[in-house]
Amino acid sequence: MILEKVLDFGISKNYFEKLKIKDIDKSCCNLDNEIIDFDKTKDIICREANQQTRKSCDGLCLTNNINFIEFKSLNNFFDKEFKYKLKSNKKNITESQIIKNKVSGFNFTKKIRDSLWLFDYIINHNELKLKNLNLEKIHNMNKNYFIIKDNYQPLINIALQFNTLAKLSNNKLSNRRTMDILINEDLEKITLINKPKLINCEQLKSKFLKGYELK
C-alpha cells in the first residue's frame, strides 16, 4: 500500500512517532490504540522547512484512508475555563456567548489547512521518491477529520434527589449540547476535506475495534 510506504518513511525520518491515544498530549480518551503524534510531526517539519510554527491536528491515522484526529476535552473546559469566565464576568457575557467564543477559537479550518500542508510536505519529500501516479492516488484518497470529545457523565442519582443539583446537572447538559451544536455548525462550513465529524471517545473506540478503519 502507498500509505504503508509513507508511514515507514515517516518513521525512518523521525517525522512520525506512534503513541497510544491515552499518551497523546491533549488526549481526552483513555485508549491503548496507537496513532501518530502529529503535533510532534508539526514541530519537526516546521524546523526543518524553516517555517513559522503552524497549527495542526493532534493525531494522524493512516489506514486505507487518511485520518486527522483532534482532541477536545470539553469536560476540562467546563470544569475550569468556563467556570472562571463566569465568575470573573464583568461584562455580563452570557453562557452561550462564552461557549461561542471558545468554539471560534478552535479554528478548525486553519488546523486542517496546515495539517494538509504538513502531510503534503512528507509525501513530496525527495527521499521518498513517490511517482506522480502514486501522488495522484494519495491526492484522491479520502481525507477525514475527527474531533474527539470526552464522554460527559452528569450527576445522576444525587441529582434525582435534590432539586438544586438536578438543576445544575440540567444546566451542564444544556451547555454541552450548545457546545456540540456550535461545533457542528462550524464544521459544516469546512470544504477542504471530507465533512468533519464530532464524535466521543466511545465512538472512536468502536471504530478501532472494527478493524482500525476510521470512516
C-alpha atoms as a PDB file:
ATOM      1  CA  MET A   1       0.000   0.000   0.000  1.00  0.00           C
ATOM      2  CA  ILE A   2       1.143   3.532  -0.751  1.00  0.00           C
ATOM      3  CA  LEU A   3       0.245   4.764   2.726  1.00  0.00           C
ATOM      4  CA  GLU A   4       2.302   1.971   4.291  1.00  0.00           C
ATOM      5  CA  LYS A   5       5.290   3.294   2.361  1.00  0.00           C
ATOM      6  CA  VAL A   6       4.532   6.817   3.600  1.00  0.00           C
ATOM      7  CA  LEU A   7       4.217   5.525   7.173  1.00  0.00           C
ATOM      8  CA  ASP A   8       7.506   3.600   7.021  1.00  0.00           C
ATOM      9  CA  PHE A   9       9.267   6.620   5.535  1.00  0.00           C
ATOM     10  CA  GLY A  10       7.836   8.941   8.170  1.00  0.00           C
ATOM     11  CA  ILE A  11       9.041   6.647  10.953  1.00  0.00           C
ATOM     12  CA  SER A  12      12.509   6.257   9.395  1.00  0.00           C
ATOM     13  CA  LYS A  13      12.876  10.063   9.153  1.00  0.00           C
ATOM     14  CA  ASN A  14      11.554  10.515  12.705  1.00  0.00           C
ATOM     15  CA  TYR A  15       8.642  12.562  11.334  1.00  0.00           C
ATOM     16  CA  PHE A  16       6.237  10.002  12.774  1.00  0.00           C
ATOM     17  CA  GLU A  17       6.084   8.652  16.292  1.00  0.00           C
ATOM     18  CA  LYS A  18       3.249   6.305  17.160  1.00  0.00           C
ATOM     19  CA  LEU A  19       1.819   6.636  20.654  1.00  0.00           C
ATOM     20  CA  LYS A  20      -1.118   5.182  22.488  1.00  0.00           C
ATOM     21  CA  ILE A  21      -4.070   7.536  22.259  1.00  0.00           C
ATOM     22  CA  LYS A  22      -4.078   7.967  26.041  1.00  0.00           C
ATOM     23  CA  ASP A  23      -0.458   9.197  25.847  1.00  0.00           C
ATOM     24  CA  ILE A  24      -1.049  11.835  23.160  1.00  0.00           C
ATOM     25  CA  ASP A  25      -0.742  15.351  24.541  1.00  0.00           C
ATOM     26  CA  LYS A  26      -4.222  16.884  24.977  1.00  0.00           C
ATOM     27  CA  SER A  27      -5.859  13.484  24.553  1.00  0.00           C
ATOM     28  CA  CYS A  28      -9.157  13.114  26.372  1.00  0.00           C
ATOM     29  CA  CYS A  29      -9.539   9.371  25.712  1.00  0.00           C
ATOM     30  CA  ASN A  30      -8.080   6.537  27.776  1.00  0.00           C
ATOM     31  CA  LEU A  31      -7.405   4.208  24.829  1.00  0.00           C
ATOM     32  CA  ASP A  32      -4.427   1.945  24.103  1.00  0.00           C
ATOM     33  CA  ASN A  33      -4.810   2.086  20.313  1.00  0.00           C
ATOM     34  CA  GLU A  34      -1.848   3.753  18.631  1.00  0.00           C
ATOM     35  CA  ILE A  35      -1.858   6.742  16.295  1.00  0.00           C
ATOM     36  CA  ILE A  36       0.823   9.135  15.048  1.00  0.00           C
ATOM     37  CA  ASP A  37       1.604  12.073  17.329  1.00  0.00           C
ATOM     38  CA  PHE A  38       1.057  14.648  14.575  1.00  0.00           C
ATOM     39  CA  ASP A  39       1.706  17.610  16.845  1.00  0.00           C
ATOM     40  CA  LYS A  40       5.287  16.356  17.178  1.00  0.00           C
ATOM     41  CA  THR A  41       5.441  15.891  13.396  1.00  0.00           C
ATOM     42  CA  LYS A  42       4.490  19.544  13.012  1.00  0.00           C
ATOM     43  CA  ASP A  43       7.315  20.723  15.272  1.00  0.00           C
ATOM     44  CA  ILE A  44       9.948  18.690  13.413  1.00  0.00           C
ATOM     45  CA  ILE A  45       8.845  19.675   9.919  1.00  0.00           C
ATOM     46  CA  CYS A  46       8.438  23.367  10.719  1.00  0.00           C
ATOM     47  CA  ARG A  47      12.022  23.461  11.989  1.00  0.00           C
ATOM     48  CA  GLU A  48      13.317  21.513   9.001  1.00  0.00           C
ATOM     49  CA  ALA A  49      11.432  23.622   6.451  1.00  0.00           C
ATOM     50  CA  ASN A  50      12.311  26.868   8.239  1.00  0.00           C
ATOM     51  CA  GLN A  51       8.614  27.629   8.644  1.00  0.00           C
ATOM     52  CA  GLN A  52       6.849  29.660  11.266  1.00  0.00           C
ATOM     53  CA  THR A  53       5.036  27.335  13.620  1.00  0.00           C
ATOM     54  CA  ARG A  54       1.793  26.070  12.171  1.00  0.00           C
ATOM     55  CA  LYS A  55      -1.383  24.706  13.626  1.00  0.00           C
ATOM     56  CA  SER A  56      -2.028  21.014  13.264  1.00  0.00           C
ATOM     57  CA  CYS A  57      -4.314  18.278  14.415  1.00  0.00           C
ATOM     58  CA  ASP A  58      -3.201  16.192  17.398  1.00  0.00           C
ATOM     59  CA  GLY A  59      -3.030  12.806  15.716  1.00  0.00           C
ATOM     60  CA  LEU A  60      -2.839  11.066  12.358  1.00  0.00           C
ATOM     61  CA  CYS A  61      -4.064   7.582  11.498  1.00  0.00           C
ATOM     62  CA  LEU A  62      -3.151   6.044   8.134  1.00  0.00           C
ATOM     63  CA  THR A  63      -5.277   3.072   7.114  1.00  0.00           C
ATOM     64  CA  ASN A  64      -6.804   2.762   3.643  1.00  0.00           C
ATOM     65  CA  ASN A  65      -7.511   6.473   4.013  1.00  0.00           C
ATOM     66  CA  ILE A  66      -6.002   9.499   5.755  1.00  0.00           C
ATOM     67  CA  ASN A  67      -7.471  10.404   9.122  1.00  0.00           C
ATOM     68  CA  PHE A  68      -6.616  13.557  11.039  1.00  0.00           C
ATOM     69  CA  ILE A  69      -7.662  13.492  14.694  1.00  0.00           C
ATOM     70  CA  GLU A  70      -8.266  16.409  17.052  1.00  0.00           C
ATOM     71  CA  PHE A  71      -8.931  16.009  20.786  1.00  0.00           C
ATOM     72  CA  LYS A  72     -11.104  18.444  22.704  1.00  0.00           C
ATOM     73  CA  SER A  73     -11.585  17.928  26.434  1.00  0.00           C
ATOM     74  CA  LEU A  74     -14.895  19.693  26.872  1.00  0.00           C
ATOM     75  CA  ASN A  75     -15.109  18.446  30.452  1.00  0.00           C
ATOM     76  CA  ASN A  76     -11.885  20.287  31.201  1.00  0.00           C
ATOM     77  CA  PHE A  77     -13.195  23.456  29.566  1.00  0.00           C
ATOM     78  CA  PHE A  78     -16.465  23.467  31.520  1.00  0.00           C
ATOM     79  CA  ASP A  79     -14.820  22.483  34.806  1.00  0.00           C
ATOM     80  CA  LYS A  80     -12.124  25.175  34.646  1.00  0.00           C
ATOM     81  CA  GLU A  81     -12.106  27.891  31.975  1.00  0.00           C
ATOM     82  CA  PHE A  82     -15.887  28.171  31.690  1.00  0.00           C
ATOM     83  CA  LYS A  83     -16.347  28.471  35.462  1.00  0.00           C
ATOM     84  CA  TYR A  84     -13.539  31.025  35.726  1.00  0.00           C
ATOM     85  CA  LYS A  85     -15.001  33.207  32.985  1.00  0.00           C
ATOM     86  CA  LEU A  86     -18.446  33.085  34.589  1.00  0.00           C
ATOM     87  CA  LYS A  87     -17.003  34.037  37.973  1.00  0.00           C
ATOM     88  CA  SER A  88     -14.866  36.886  36.613  1.00  0.00           C
ATOM     89  CA  ASN A  89     -17.544  38.038  34.186  1.00  0.00           C
ATOM     90  CA  LYS A  90     -17.594  41.846  34.342  1.00  0.00           C
ATOM     91  CA  LYS A  91     -19.438  42.466  31.094  1.00  0.00           C
ATOM     92  CA  ASN A  92     -22.429  40.200  31.751  1.00  0.00           C
ATOM     93  CA  ILE A  93     -21.498  37.900  28.891  1.00  0.00           C
ATOM     94  CA  THR A  94     -23.981  35.043  28.579  1.00  0.00           C
ATOM     95  CA  GLU A  95     -23.039  31.393  28.983  1.00  0.00           C
ATOM     96  CA  SER A  96     -23.842  30.840  25.315  1.00  0.00           C
ATOM     97  CA  GLN A  97     -21.516  33.659  24.277  1.00  0.00           C
ATOM     98  CA  ILE A  98     -18.653  32.218  26.338  1.00  0.00           C
ATOM     99  CA  ILE A  99     -19.162  28.880  24.603  1.00  0.00           C
ATOM    100  CA  LYS A 100     -19.425  30.539  21.189  1.00  0.00           C
ATOM    101  CA  ASN A 101     -16.167  32.439  21.763  1.00  0.00           C
ATOM    102  CA  LYS A 102     -14.436  29.195  22.715  1.00  0.00           C
ATOM    103  CA  VAL A 103     -15.610  27.389  19.588  1.00  0.00           C
ATOM    104  CA  SER A 104     -14.484  30.300  17.400  1.00  0.00           C
ATOM    105  CA  GLY A 105     -11.029  29.970  18.934  1.00  0.00           C
ATOM    106  CA  PHE A 106     -10.729  26.327  17.888  1.00  0.00           C
ATOM    107  CA  ASN A 107     -10.089  27.487  14.287  1.00  0.00           C
ATOM    108  CA  PHE A 108     -10.614  24.049  12.773  1.00  0.00           C
ATOM    109  CA  THR A 109     -10.183  25.347   9.215  1.00  0.00           C
ATOM    110  CA  LYS A 110      -6.618  26.528   9.820  1.00  0.00           C
ATOM    111  CA  LYS A 111      -5.729  23.295  11.609  1.00  0.00           C
ATOM    112  CA  ILE A 112      -6.970  21.278   8.646  1.00  0.00           C
ATOM    113  CA  ARG A 113      -5.208  23.518   6.129  1.00  0.00           C
ATOM    114  CA  ASP A 114      -1.892  23.320   7.979  1.00  0.00           C
ATOM    115  CA  SER A 115      -2.232  19.570   8.598  1.00  0.00           C
ATOM    116  CA  LEU A 116      -2.734  19.010   4.875  1.00  0.00           C
ATOM    117  CA  TRP A 117       0.356  21.120   4.151  1.00  0.00           C
ATOM    118  CA  LEU A 118       2.435  19.059   6.593  1.00  0.00           C
ATOM    119  CA  PHE A 119       1.264  15.796   5.076  1.00  0.00           C
ATOM    120  CA  ASP A 120       1.907  17.134   1.570  1.00  0.00           C
ATOM    121  CA  TYR A 121       5.452  18.059   2.628  1.00  0.00           C
ATOM    122  CA  ILE A 122       6.094  14.454   3.614  1.00  0.00           C
ATOM    123  CA  ILE A 123       4.637  12.739   0.565  1.00  0.00           C
ATOM    124  CA  ASN A 124       6.533  15.092  -1.761  1.00  0.00           C
ATOM    125  CA  HIS A 125       9.848  14.594   0.032  1.00  0.00           C
ATOM    126  CA  ASN A 126      12.621  13.892  -2.491  1.00  0.00           C
ATOM    127  CA  GLU A 127      13.887  10.971  -0.391  1.00  0.00           C
ATOM    128  CA  LEU A 128      10.509   9.258  -0.514  1.00  0.00           C
ATOM    129  CA  LYS A 129      10.506   9.424  -4.319  1.00  0.00           C
ATOM    130  CA  LEU A 130       6.834   8.775  -4.922  1.00  0.00           C
ATOM    131  CA  LYS A 131       5.929   8.746  -8.593  1.00  0.00           C
ATOM    132  CA  ASN A 132       3.353  11.202  -9.875  1.00  0.00           C
ATOM    133  CA  LEU A 133       0.851   8.374 -10.288  1.00  0.00           C
ATOM    134  CA  ASN A 134       1.118   7.471  -6.598  1.00  0.00           C
ATOM    135  CA  LEU A 135       0.954  11.112  -5.550  1.00  0.00           C
ATOM    136  CA  GLU A 136      -2.244  11.428  -7.536  1.00  0.00           C
ATOM    137  CA  LYS A 137      -3.653   8.313  -5.840  1.00  0.00           C
ATOM    138  CA  ILE A 138      -2.957   9.849  -2.429  1.00  0.00           C
ATOM    139  CA  HIS A 139      -4.495  13.122  -3.579  1.00  0.00           C
ATOM    140  CA  ASN A 140      -7.699  11.231  -4.459  1.00  0.00           C
ATOM    141  CA  MET A 141      -7.868   9.269  -1.210  1.00  0.00           C
ATOM    142  CA  ASN A 142     -10.474  10.036   1.428  1.00  0.00           C
ATOM    143  CA  LYS A 143      -9.145  12.527   3.927  1.00  0.00           C
ATOM    144  CA  ASN A 144     -11.139  12.654   7.137  1.00  0.00           C
ATOM    145  CA  TYR A 145     -11.089  14.897  10.181  1.00  0.00           C
ATOM    146  CA  PHE A 146     -12.418  13.671  13.521  1.00  0.00           C
ATOM    147  CA  ILE A 147     -12.918  15.944  16.510  1.00  0.00           C
ATOM    148  CA  ILE A 148     -12.965  13.740  19.608  1.00  0.00           C
ATOM    149  CA  LYS A 149     -14.748  14.964  22.712  1.00  0.00           C
ATOM    150  CA  ASP A 150     -14.657  13.265  26.088  1.00  0.00           C
ATOM    151  CA  ASN A 151     -17.677  11.427  27.442  1.00  0.00           C
ATOM    152  CA  TYR A 152     -19.793  13.501  29.792  1.00  0.00           C
ATOM    153  CA  GLN A 153     -21.075  11.843  32.947  1.00  0.00           C
ATOM    154  CA  PRO A 154     -23.750  14.043  34.556  1.00  0.00           C
ATOM    155  CA  LEU A 155     -24.785  13.846  38.183  1.00  0.00           C
ATOM    156  CA  ILE A 156     -27.462  11.192  38.156  1.00  0.00           C
ATOM    157  CA  ASN A 157     -28.529   9.569  41.418  1.00  0.00           C
ATOM    158  CA  ILE A 158     -27.899  12.540  43.689  1.00  0.00           C
ATOM    159  CA  ALA A 159     -29.397  14.945  41.176  1.00  0.00           C
ATOM    160  CA  LEU A 160     -32.616  12.981  41.198  1.00  0.00           C
ATOM    161  CA  GLN A 161     -32.924  13.524  44.953  1.00  0.00           C
ATOM    162  CA  PHE A 162     -32.003  17.191  45.189  1.00  0.00           C
ATOM    163  CA  ASN A 163     -33.610  19.840  43.003  1.00  0.00           C
ATOM    164  CA  THR A 164     -30.628  22.187  43.192  1.00  0.00           C
ATOM    165  CA  LEU A 165     -28.234  19.553  41.934  1.00  0.00           C
ATOM    166  CA  ALA A 166     -30.744  18.429  39.343  1.00  0.00           C
ATOM    167  CA  LYS A 167     -30.943  21.979  38.023  1.00  0.00           C
ATOM    168  CA  LEU A 168     -27.149  22.215  37.993  1.00  0.00           C
ATOM    169  CA  SER A 169     -26.906  18.958  36.069  1.00  0.00           C
ATOM    170  CA  ASN A 170     -29.500  20.129  33.554  1.00  0.00           C
ATOM    171  CA  ASN A 171     -27.592  23.372  33.029  1.00  0.00           C
ATOM    172  CA  LYS A 172     -24.418  21.425  32.346  1.00  0.00           C
ATOM    173  CA  LEU A 173     -26.190  19.212  29.861  1.00  0.00           C
ATOM    174  CA  SER A 174     -27.694  22.239  28.158  1.00  0.00           C
ATOM    175  CA  ASN A 175     -24.288  23.918  27.870  1.00  0.00           C
ATOM    176  CA  ARG A 176     -22.728  20.764  26.482  1.00  0.00           C
ATOM    177  CA  ARG A 177     -25.482  20.493  23.884  1.00  0.00           C
ATOM    178  CA  THR A 178     -24.897  24.135  22.966  1.00  0.00           C
ATOM    179  CA  MET A 179     -21.185  23.397  22.517  1.00  0.00           C
ATOM    180  CA  ASP A 180     -21.927  20.388  20.283  1.00  0.00           C
ATOM    181  CA  ILE A 181     -24.349  22.392  18.145  1.00  0.00           C
ATOM    182  CA  LEU A 182     -21.891  25.264  17.656  1.00  0.00           C
ATOM    183  CA  ILE A 183     -19.014  22.912  16.826  1.00  0.00           C
ATOM    184  CA  ASN A 184     -21.131  21.075  14.253  1.00  0.00           C
ATOM    185  CA  GLU A 185     -22.252  24.370  12.724  1.00  0.00           C
ATOM    186  CA  ASP A 186     -18.596  25.358  12.396  1.00  0.00           C
ATOM    187  CA  LEU A 187     -17.697  22.013  10.824  1.00  0.00           C
ATOM    188  CA  GLU A 188     -20.488  22.376   8.255  1.00  0.00           C
ATOM    189  CA  LYS A 189     -18.593  25.311   6.731  1.00  0.00           C
ATOM    190  CA  ILE A 190     -15.430  23.303   6.049  1.00  0.00           C
ATOM    191  CA  THR A 191     -14.875  22.206   2.454  1.00  0.00           C
ATOM    192  CA  LEU A 192     -11.132  21.461   2.463  1.00  0.00           C
ATOM    193  CA  ILE A 193     -11.707  17.843   3.418  1.00  0.00           C
ATOM    194  CA  ASN A 194     -14.457  15.248   3.797  1.00  0.00           C
ATOM    195  CA  LYS A 195     -17.151  16.513   6.136  1.00  0.00           C
ATOM    196  CA  PRO A 196     -15.506  16.537   9.591  1.00  0.00           C
ATOM    197  CA  LYS A 197     -17.226  14.583  12.348  1.00  0.00           C
ATOM    198  CA  LEU A 198     -17.635  15.293  16.055  1.00  0.00           C
ATOM    199  CA  ILE A 199     -17.568  12.004  17.983  1.00  0.00           C
ATOM    200  CA  ASN A 200     -16.814  10.918  21.545  1.00  0.00           C
ATOM    201  CA  CYS A 201     -14.243   8.514  22.968  1.00  0.00           C
ATOM    202  CA  GLU A 202     -16.630   5.564  22.932  1.00  0.00           C
ATOM    203  CA  GLN A 203     -17.367   6.114  19.250  1.00  0.00           C
ATOM    204  CA  LEU A 204     -13.656   6.374  18.492  1.00  0.00           C
ATOM    205  CA  LYS A 205     -13.036   3.149  20.391  1.00  0.00           C
ATOM    206  CA  SER A 206     -15.744   1.315  18.447  1.00  0.00           C
ATOM    207  CA  LYS A 207     -14.172   2.412  15.166  1.00  0.00           C
ATOM    208  CA  PHE A 208     -10.815   0.976  16.180  1.00  0.00           C
ATOM    209  CA  LEU A 209     -12.458  -2.245  17.316  1.00  0.00           C
ATOM    210  CA  LYS A 210     -13.944  -2.609  13.828  1.00  0.00           C
ATOM    211  CA  GLY A 211     -10.528  -3.160  12.340  1.00  0.00           C
ATOM    212  CA  TYR A 212      -8.742   0.152  12.732  1.00  0.00           C
ATOM    213  CA  GLU A 213     -10.848   1.623   9.931  1.00  0.00           C
ATOM    214  CA  LEU A 214     -11.827   5.227  10.501  1.00  0.00           C
ATOM    215  CA  LYS A 215     -14.523   6.338   8.058  1.00  0.00           C
END
